[in-house]
Amino acid sequence: MTVVDVHTHMLPQAMRAGDWPPALAVGLRTGEDGCLLGATGERLPAHYPELTDPAAALARMDRQGVDQAVVSLTPHAYALGTGPEATLYARAANDALAAQVAGAAAAGRLTGLATLPVGRPEDAAAELERAVTRLGLAGAQITTGPVAGRPLDRADLTPLFAACEALDVPLSLHPSYCGPLRDPDLFLHNSVGAPLDTALAYARLAASGTLDRHPRLRLVLAHGGGVLAQLLPRLDNNWHYRADLRTRAQHPPSAYLDRVWCDTVVHSEPALRFLRETFTEARLLLGTDAPYGTGVADPVPALEQADLNPHALGESAQHLFRRGCGPAGRAAVHPHTSLRTASSSPA
């Protein structure tokens, strides 16, 4: 019995300004005021100690009652370019993240997800294979889109989706402020844009027939799937109503939920109960969005108040990310529990 947080972010120390080779800085750059800027030009909130220090991240996990965390690169630092430097950047970033989560400071409690050069789909597939088979990462997290100006279903990502299926690893979709709502005024690009981006990404993959062509593709949706739960009935209704939609996808969008998992970063008990009604408890995974203040500070009590079992959600996470966490992972024994976790070091 364990509690697993599947939505946490880190920025390896090697990627901080001053340490990162300028030739690779397609994801990060330093602004005129010396602040770190992300791939789309936003200021990186690098003041959180847990973002770069595994010891601080573990201390936060202890305070939250979390045994293990699945860690991804902060989305501000995704490799969003289309040139060869994007591939070099992703490889270096994954090497750095794999080293950090496998290091002694991580105490065997952190599992990593790869970042990928999605603007170069063949390279993205190859880097996923390297990250999983050589670095011991448990899957990947990519932007909800667009990629090179195109939504995920039109971005020629077939090689990547096929690689996820062949490797049997999940693909996490996380917004990076590059969807239809980018204006930071009133912080609505986060409050409204992020959940909209996630729902739109899934809706396009389902409605376009992409999920028919990749029946073994498993998706993890950030922030409770965004507004997807509210939109599913309308999406389904329109699939039944419009003959042209039925020529694109074999089934209505809700029919593909058996390959979808959502985290629980939704900020209210009624929202959690609605998620369970829509996706079932077996498809929910505890998330915090740590270390950011827009996340969930006390995830275990929040789940229990909604009559969700955090240990059951942890078991689901262990099964989904089995290459990196849980008894099937390549692992060292957690000093505080019997959980086995990934400890592969980078090649």
Protein backbone atom coordinates (compact mmCIF):
# COMPACT_ATOMS: atom_id res chain seq x y z
CA MET A 1 0.00 0.00 0.00
CA THR A 2 1.53 3.25 -1.07
CA VAL A 3 0.69 6.73 -2.27
CA VAL A 4 2.05 7.77 -5.67
CA ASP A 5 1.99 11.32 -7.06
CA VAL A 6 2.01 11.14 -10.87
CA HIS A 7 2.07 14.90 -11.54
CA THR A 8 5.20 16.59 -10.25
CA HIS A 9 7.84 18.67 -12.02
CA MET A 10 11.56 19.19 -11.73
CA LEU A 11 14.30 21.13 -13.48
CA PRO A 12 17.64 19.32 -13.08
CA GLN A 13 20.44 21.40 -11.64
CA ALA A 14 22.46 20.96 -14.83
CA MET A 15 19.78 22.83 -16.78
CA ARG A 16 19.87 25.99 -14.68
CA ALA A 17 21.05 29.17 -16.38
CA GLY A 18 24.82 29.27 -16.62
CA ASP A 19 25.19 25.49 -16.66
CA TRP A 20 23.33 24.64 -19.87
CA PRO A 21 25.24 24.69 -23.18
CA PRO A 22 23.92 27.65 -25.21
CA ALA A 23 23.78 25.46 -28.34
CA LEU A 24 21.17 23.29 -26.65
CA ALA A 25 19.04 26.05 -25.17
CA VAL A 26 15.97 25.58 -27.38
CA GLY A 27 13.88 25.00 -24.28
CA LEU A 28 15.48 27.51 -21.92
CA ARG A 29 17.10 30.88 -22.29
CA THR A 30 18.08 33.77 -20.06
CA GLY A 31 16.18 37.04 -20.39
CA GLU A 32 17.65 40.53 -20.29
CA ASP A 33 16.84 40.76 -16.58
CA GLY A 34 18.70 37.50 -15.90
CA CYS A 35 15.54 35.45 -15.32
CA LEU A 36 15.15 32.06 -16.92
CA LEU A 37 12.66 32.00 -19.80
CA GLY A 38 10.83 28.98 -21.15
CA ALA A 39 10.49 27.80 -24.75
CA THR A 40 7.46 30.01 -25.40
CA GLY A 41 8.98 33.08 -23.71
CA GLU A 42 7.31 32.90 -20.29
CA ARG A 43 9.27 33.48 -17.08
CA LEU A 44 10.26 30.24 -15.41
CA PRO A 45 9.25 30.22 -11.72
CA ALA A 46 12.59 28.77 -10.67
CA HIS A 47 12.38 30.05 -7.09
CA TYR A 48 10.85 26.80 -5.79
CA PRO A 49 13.60 24.75 -4.07
CA GLU A 50 11.78 21.50 -4.87
CA LEU A 51 12.06 22.25 -8.58
CA THR A 52 15.80 21.62 -8.63
CA ASP A 53 16.64 19.92 -5.32
CA PRO A 54 15.57 16.26 -4.88
CA ALA A 55 16.04 16.49 -1.11
CA ALA A 56 13.58 19.38 -0.93
CA ALA A 57 11.15 17.46 -3.15
CA LEU A 58 11.36 14.43 -0.85
CA ALA A 59 10.76 16.61 2.21
CA ARG A 60 7.63 18.01 0.58
CA MET A 61 6.47 14.48 -0.28
CA ASP A 62 6.91 13.45 3.35
CA ARG A 63 4.80 16.40 4.50
CA GLN A 64 2.09 15.43 2.01
CA GLY A 65 2.07 11.72 2.85
CA VAL A 66 3.37 10.78 -0.61
CA ASP A 67 5.65 7.74 -0.87
CA GLN A 68 6.71 8.06 -4.49
CA ALA A 69 6.50 10.59 -7.31
CA VAL A 70 6.55 10.39 -11.09
CA VAL A 71 8.59 13.40 -12.17
CA SER A 72 8.53 15.26 -15.47
CA LEU A 73 10.44 18.25 -16.74
CA THR A 74 8.66 21.50 -15.99
CA PRO A 75 6.60 22.26 -19.12
CA HIS A 76 8.26 25.66 -19.44
CA ALA A 77 11.35 23.72 -20.60
CA TYR A 78 9.87 21.41 -23.25
CA ALA A 79 11.79 20.86 -26.49
CA LEU A 80 9.38 22.60 -28.87
CA GLY A 81 11.70 23.35 -31.78
CA THR A 82 11.83 21.61 -35.16
CA GLY A 83 15.56 21.76 -35.84
CA PRO A 84 18.20 19.17 -34.90
CA GLU A 85 19.06 21.17 -31.79
CA ALA A 86 15.68 20.17 -30.35
CA THR A 87 16.78 16.54 -30.40
CA LEU A 88 20.11 17.38 -28.79
CA TYR A 89 18.31 19.39 -26.15
CA ALA A 90 15.84 16.58 -25.35
CA ARG A 91 18.62 14.01 -25.07
CA ALA A 92 20.64 16.18 -22.72
CA ALA A 93 17.55 17.03 -20.68
CA ASN A 94 16.61 13.37 -20.30
CA ASP A 95 20.16 12.45 -19.32
CA ALA A 96 20.04 15.13 -16.64
CA LEU A 97 16.60 14.14 -15.33
CA ALA A 98 17.46 10.43 -15.29
CA ALA A 99 20.63 11.12 -13.33
CA GLN A 100 18.76 13.29 -10.84
CA VAL A 101 15.92 10.86 -10.12
CA ALA A 102 18.31 7.91 -9.91
CA GLY A 103 20.79 9.70 -7.67
CA ALA A 104 21.36 9.00 -4.00
CA ALA A 105 19.51 12.19 -3.07
CA ALA A 106 16.31 10.80 -4.60
CA ALA A 107 16.33 7.87 -2.14
CA GLY A 108 14.76 5.53 -4.71
CA ARG A 109 11.43 7.36 -4.55
CA LEU A 110 11.42 9.28 -7.83
CA THR A 111 10.61 7.99 -11.30
CA GLY A 112 11.18 10.08 -14.42
CA LEU A 113 9.27 10.78 -17.62
CA ALA A 114 11.13 11.78 -20.77
CA THR A 115 10.72 15.02 -22.66
CA LEU A 116 10.71 14.58 -26.44
CA PRO A 117 11.47 16.63 -29.58
CA VAL A 118 7.90 16.35 -30.84
CA GLY A 119 8.64 18.73 -33.71
CA ARG A 120 10.82 15.93 -35.11
CA PRO A 121 8.57 12.84 -34.79
CA GLU A 122 11.11 10.21 -35.88
CA ASP A 123 13.64 11.62 -33.43
CA ALA A 124 10.97 11.72 -30.73
CA ALA A 125 10.30 8.00 -31.21
CA ALA A 126 13.99 7.18 -31.11
CA GLU A 127 14.54 9.30 -28.02
CA LEU A 128 11.62 7.65 -26.24
CA GLU A 129 13.16 4.24 -26.91
CA ARG A 130 16.53 5.41 -25.62
CA ALA A 131 14.99 7.05 -22.56
CA VAL A 132 13.03 3.92 -21.64
CA THR A 133 15.52 1.17 -22.51
CA ARG A 134 18.79 2.91 -21.60
CA LEU A 135 17.89 5.57 -19.04
CA GLY A 136 15.14 3.67 -17.20
CA LEU A 137 12.50 6.37 -17.61
CA ALA A 138 8.89 5.18 -17.34
CA GLY A 139 7.30 6.91 -20.33
CA ALA A 140 7.12 10.45 -21.64
CA GLN A 141 5.30 13.72 -21.23
CA ILE A 142 4.63 15.99 -24.20
CA THR A 143 2.78 19.22 -24.83
CA THR A 144 -0.94 19.20 -25.57
CA GLY A 145 0.00 21.15 -28.69
CA PRO A 146 0.16 22.66 -31.13
CA VAL A 147 3.39 21.17 -32.49
CA ALA A 148 5.00 23.30 -35.19
CA GLY A 149 1.67 25.05 -35.57
CA ARG A 150 -0.38 21.87 -35.91
CA PRO A 151 -2.56 20.00 -33.39
CA LEU A 152 -1.36 16.62 -32.15
CA ASP A 153 -3.52 14.64 -34.57
CA ARG A 154 -2.04 16.50 -37.54
CA ALA A 155 1.58 16.73 -36.37
CA ASP A 156 2.77 13.48 -38.01
CA LEU A 157 3.32 11.87 -34.61
CA THR A 158 2.60 8.33 -35.84
CA PRO A 159 6.20 7.21 -35.14
CA LEU A 160 5.95 8.42 -31.54
CA PHE A 161 2.53 6.90 -30.91
CA ALA A 162 3.72 3.60 -32.40
CA ALA A 163 6.82 3.68 -30.19
CA CYS A 164 4.67 4.17 -27.08
CA GLU A 165 2.66 1.11 -28.08
CA ALA A 166 5.71 -1.01 -28.86
CA LEU A 167 7.46 -0.06 -25.62
CA ASP A 168 4.20 -0.37 -23.66
CA VAL A 169 4.68 2.94 -21.85
CA PRO A 170 2.15 5.72 -21.21
CA LEU A 171 2.21 9.14 -22.82
CA SER A 172 1.32 12.05 -20.58
CA LEU A 173 -0.25 15.16 -22.12
CA HIS A 174 0.46 18.43 -20.31
CA PRO A 175 -0.28 21.98 -21.49
CA SER A 176 2.62 24.37 -21.96
CA TYR A 177 0.76 27.62 -22.62
CA CYS A 178 0.90 27.11 -26.35
CA GLY A 179 -2.74 26.37 -27.09
CA PRO A 180 -5.58 28.71 -28.13
CA LEU A 181 -5.34 30.92 -25.03
CA ARG A 182 -1.82 32.31 -24.52
CA ASP A 183 -2.37 35.85 -23.24
CA PRO A 184 -1.08 35.91 -19.63
CA ASP A 185 -3.45 38.72 -18.66
CA LEU A 186 -5.30 37.85 -15.42
CA PHE A 187 -3.43 34.50 -15.43
CA LEU A 188 -6.29 33.11 -17.53
CA HIS A 189 -3.87 31.25 -19.79
CA ASN A 190 -3.36 29.01 -16.75
CA SER A 191 -6.81 29.08 -15.13
CA VAL A 192 -8.75 28.60 -18.37
CA GLY A 193 -6.21 27.89 -21.10
CA ALA A 194 -4.51 24.90 -19.49
CA PRO A 195 -7.67 22.83 -18.85
CA LEU A 196 -8.99 23.81 -22.27
CA ASP A 197 -5.77 22.70 -23.98
CA THR A 198 -5.90 19.26 -22.39
CA ALA A 199 -9.52 18.62 -23.31
CA LEU A 200 -8.94 19.84 -26.85
CA ALA A 201 -5.92 17.59 -27.32
CA TYR A 202 -7.84 14.49 -26.27
CA ALA A 203 -10.92 15.47 -28.27
CA ARG A 204 -8.86 15.80 -31.44
CA LEU A 205 -7.06 12.49 -30.93
CA ALA A 206 -10.38 10.72 -30.39
CA ALA A 207 -12.46 12.48 -33.04
CA SER A 208 -9.77 12.30 -35.74
CA GLY A 209 -9.48 8.51 -35.58
CA THR A 210 -5.94 8.66 -34.17
CA LEU A 211 -6.95 6.45 -31.24
CA ASP A 212 -8.46 3.93 -33.67
CA ARG A 213 -5.12 3.71 -35.46
CA HIS A 214 -3.24 3.32 -32.17
CA PRO A 215 -5.43 1.04 -30.02
CA ARG A 216 -2.68 0.35 -27.47
CA LEU A 217 -1.77 3.99 -26.88
CA ARG A 218 -2.29 4.87 -23.20
CA LEU A 219 -2.76 8.53 -22.29
CA VAL A 220 -2.42 10.36 -18.98
CA LEU A 221 -4.24 13.70 -18.92
CA ALA A 222 -3.09 16.49 -16.62
CA HIS A 223 -5.34 18.57 -14.37
CA GLY A 224 -8.14 16.03 -14.26
CA GLY A 225 -8.37 15.98 -18.04
CA GLY A 226 -9.07 19.70 -18.01
CA VAL A 227 -12.69 20.32 -18.98
CA LEU A 228 -13.01 17.00 -20.80
CA ALA A 229 -15.45 15.45 -18.32
CA GLN A 230 -17.89 18.31 -18.86
CA LEU A 231 -17.53 18.19 -22.64
CA LEU A 232 -17.77 14.44 -23.25
CA PRO A 233 -21.58 14.29 -23.50
CA ARG A 234 -21.56 17.06 -26.10
CA LEU A 235 -18.70 15.45 -28.02
CA ASP A 236 -20.56 12.13 -28.05
CA ASN A 237 -23.84 13.74 -29.07
CA ASN A 238 -22.21 15.42 -32.03
CA TRP A 239 -20.52 12.20 -33.12
CA HIS A 240 -23.93 10.52 -33.24
CA TYR A 241 -25.51 13.54 -34.96
CA ARG A 242 -22.94 14.23 -37.68
CA ALA A 243 -22.22 11.58 -40.30
CA ASP A 244 -18.90 13.22 -41.22
CA LEU A 245 -17.59 12.67 -37.69
CA ARG A 246 -18.50 9.00 -37.86
CA THR A 247 -16.34 8.63 -40.97
CA ARG A 248 -13.31 9.94 -39.04
CA ALA A 249 -13.61 7.97 -35.80
CA GLN A 250 -15.13 4.54 -35.35
CA HIS A 251 -16.61 5.35 -31.94
CA PRO A 252 -17.77 8.40 -29.96
CA PRO A 253 -15.03 10.07 -27.89
CA SER A 254 -16.16 8.55 -24.58
CA ALA A 255 -15.63 5.05 -25.98
CA TYR A 256 -11.85 5.50 -25.76
CA LEU A 257 -11.74 6.25 -22.03
CA ASP A 258 -10.57 2.71 -21.32
CA ARG A 259 -7.11 3.88 -22.38
CA VAL A 260 -7.15 7.20 -20.48
CA TRP A 261 -6.06 8.09 -16.95
CA CYS A 262 -6.53 11.49 -15.31
CA ASP A 263 -4.77 13.03 -12.37
CA THR A 264 -6.69 14.59 -9.49
CA VAL A 265 -5.50 18.21 -9.72
CA VAL A 266 -9.01 19.70 -9.79
CA HIS A 267 -9.18 21.65 -6.49
CA SER A 268 -12.56 20.64 -5.09
CA GLU A 269 -14.45 17.69 -3.65
CA PRO A 270 -17.38 17.97 -6.11
CA ALA A 271 -14.94 18.03 -9.01
CA LEU A 272 -13.24 14.87 -7.73
CA ARG A 273 -16.57 13.10 -7.38
CA PHE A 274 -17.50 14.14 -10.93
CA LEU A 275 -14.19 12.76 -12.20
CA ARG A 276 -14.91 9.43 -10.53
CA GLU A 277 -18.39 9.33 -12.08
CA THR A 278 -16.95 10.05 -15.53
CA PHE A 279 -13.72 8.04 -15.57
CA THR A 280 -14.18 5.58 -12.62
CA GLU A 281 -11.82 5.43 -9.66
CA ALA A 282 -9.60 2.92 -11.48
CA ARG A 283 -8.73 5.62 -14.03
CA LEU A 284 -7.77 8.29 -11.51
CA LEU A 285 -4.23 8.98 -10.33
CA LEU A 286 -3.20 11.20 -7.45
CA GLY A 287 -1.53 14.40 -8.61
CA THR A 288 -0.24 17.55 -6.96
CA ASP A 289 1.35 19.63 -9.75
CA ALA A 290 4.17 20.23 -7.27
CA PRO A 291 6.05 22.37 -6.64
CA TYR A 292 3.77 25.02 -8.09
CA GLY A 293 1.36 27.00 -5.95
CA THR A 294 -1.41 26.35 -8.48
CA GLY A 295 -1.35 22.68 -7.49
CA VAL A 296 -2.85 20.68 -4.61
CA ALA A 297 -1.06 21.12 -1.29
CA ASP A 298 -2.79 18.33 0.69
CA PRO A 299 -3.65 15.61 -1.81
CA VAL A 300 -4.38 12.71 0.55
CA PRO A 301 -7.07 14.45 2.67
CA ALA A 302 -8.58 15.89 -0.51
CA LEU A 303 -9.05 12.40 -1.94
CA GLU A 304 -10.36 10.93 1.28
CA GLN A 305 -12.96 13.71 1.62
CA ALA A 306 -14.25 12.68 -1.81
CA ASP A 307 -14.36 9.00 -0.75
CA LEU A 308 -11.41 8.12 -2.96
CA ASN A 309 -8.74 5.74 -1.69
CA PRO A 310 -5.24 7.21 -2.25
CA HIS A 311 -3.68 3.76 -1.91
CA ALA A 312 -5.95 2.34 -4.61
CA LEU A 313 -4.95 5.21 -6.87
CA GLY A 314 -1.33 4.44 -6.01
CA GLU A 315 -1.80 0.84 -7.10
CA SER A 316 -3.17 2.08 -10.43
CA ALA A 317 -0.13 4.31 -10.84
CA GLN A 318 2.23 1.44 -10.07
CA HIS A 319 0.58 -0.69 -12.73
CA LEU A 320 0.54 2.08 -15.34
CA PHE A 321 4.14 3.17 -14.79
CA ARG A 322 5.33 -0.33 -14.05
CA ARG A 323 8.66 0.14 -15.80
CA GLY A 324 9.56 2.76 -13.25
CA CYS A 325 7.58 2.17 -10.07
CA GLY A 326 6.01 -0.69 -8.23
CA PRO A 327 7.13 -4.30 -7.87
CA ALA A 328 7.75 -4.78 -11.62
CA GLY A 329 10.18 -1.86 -11.92
CA ARG A 330 13.95 -2.08 -12.00
CA ALA A 331 14.38 -0.95 -8.46
CA ALA A 332 15.98 -0.46 -5.15
CA VAL A 333 13.96 -1.03 -1.99
CA HIS A 334 12.41 2.08 -0.50
CA PRO A 335 13.91 2.44 2.99
CA HIS A 336 10.50 3.24 4.52
CA THR A 337 8.22 0.85 2.62
CA SER A 338 8.40 -2.37 0.66
CA LEU A 339 7.85 -0.48 -2.61
CA ARG A 340 10.37 -1.23 -5.35
CA THR A 341 11.35 1.68 -7.57
CA ALA A 342 13.45 2.39 -10.63
CA SER A 343 17.14 2.98 -10.00
CA SER A 344 18.55 2.74 -13.51
CA SER A 345 21.33 5.18 -14.17
CA PRO A 346 21.79 6.93 -17.51
CA ALA A 347 23.83 5.24 -20.19
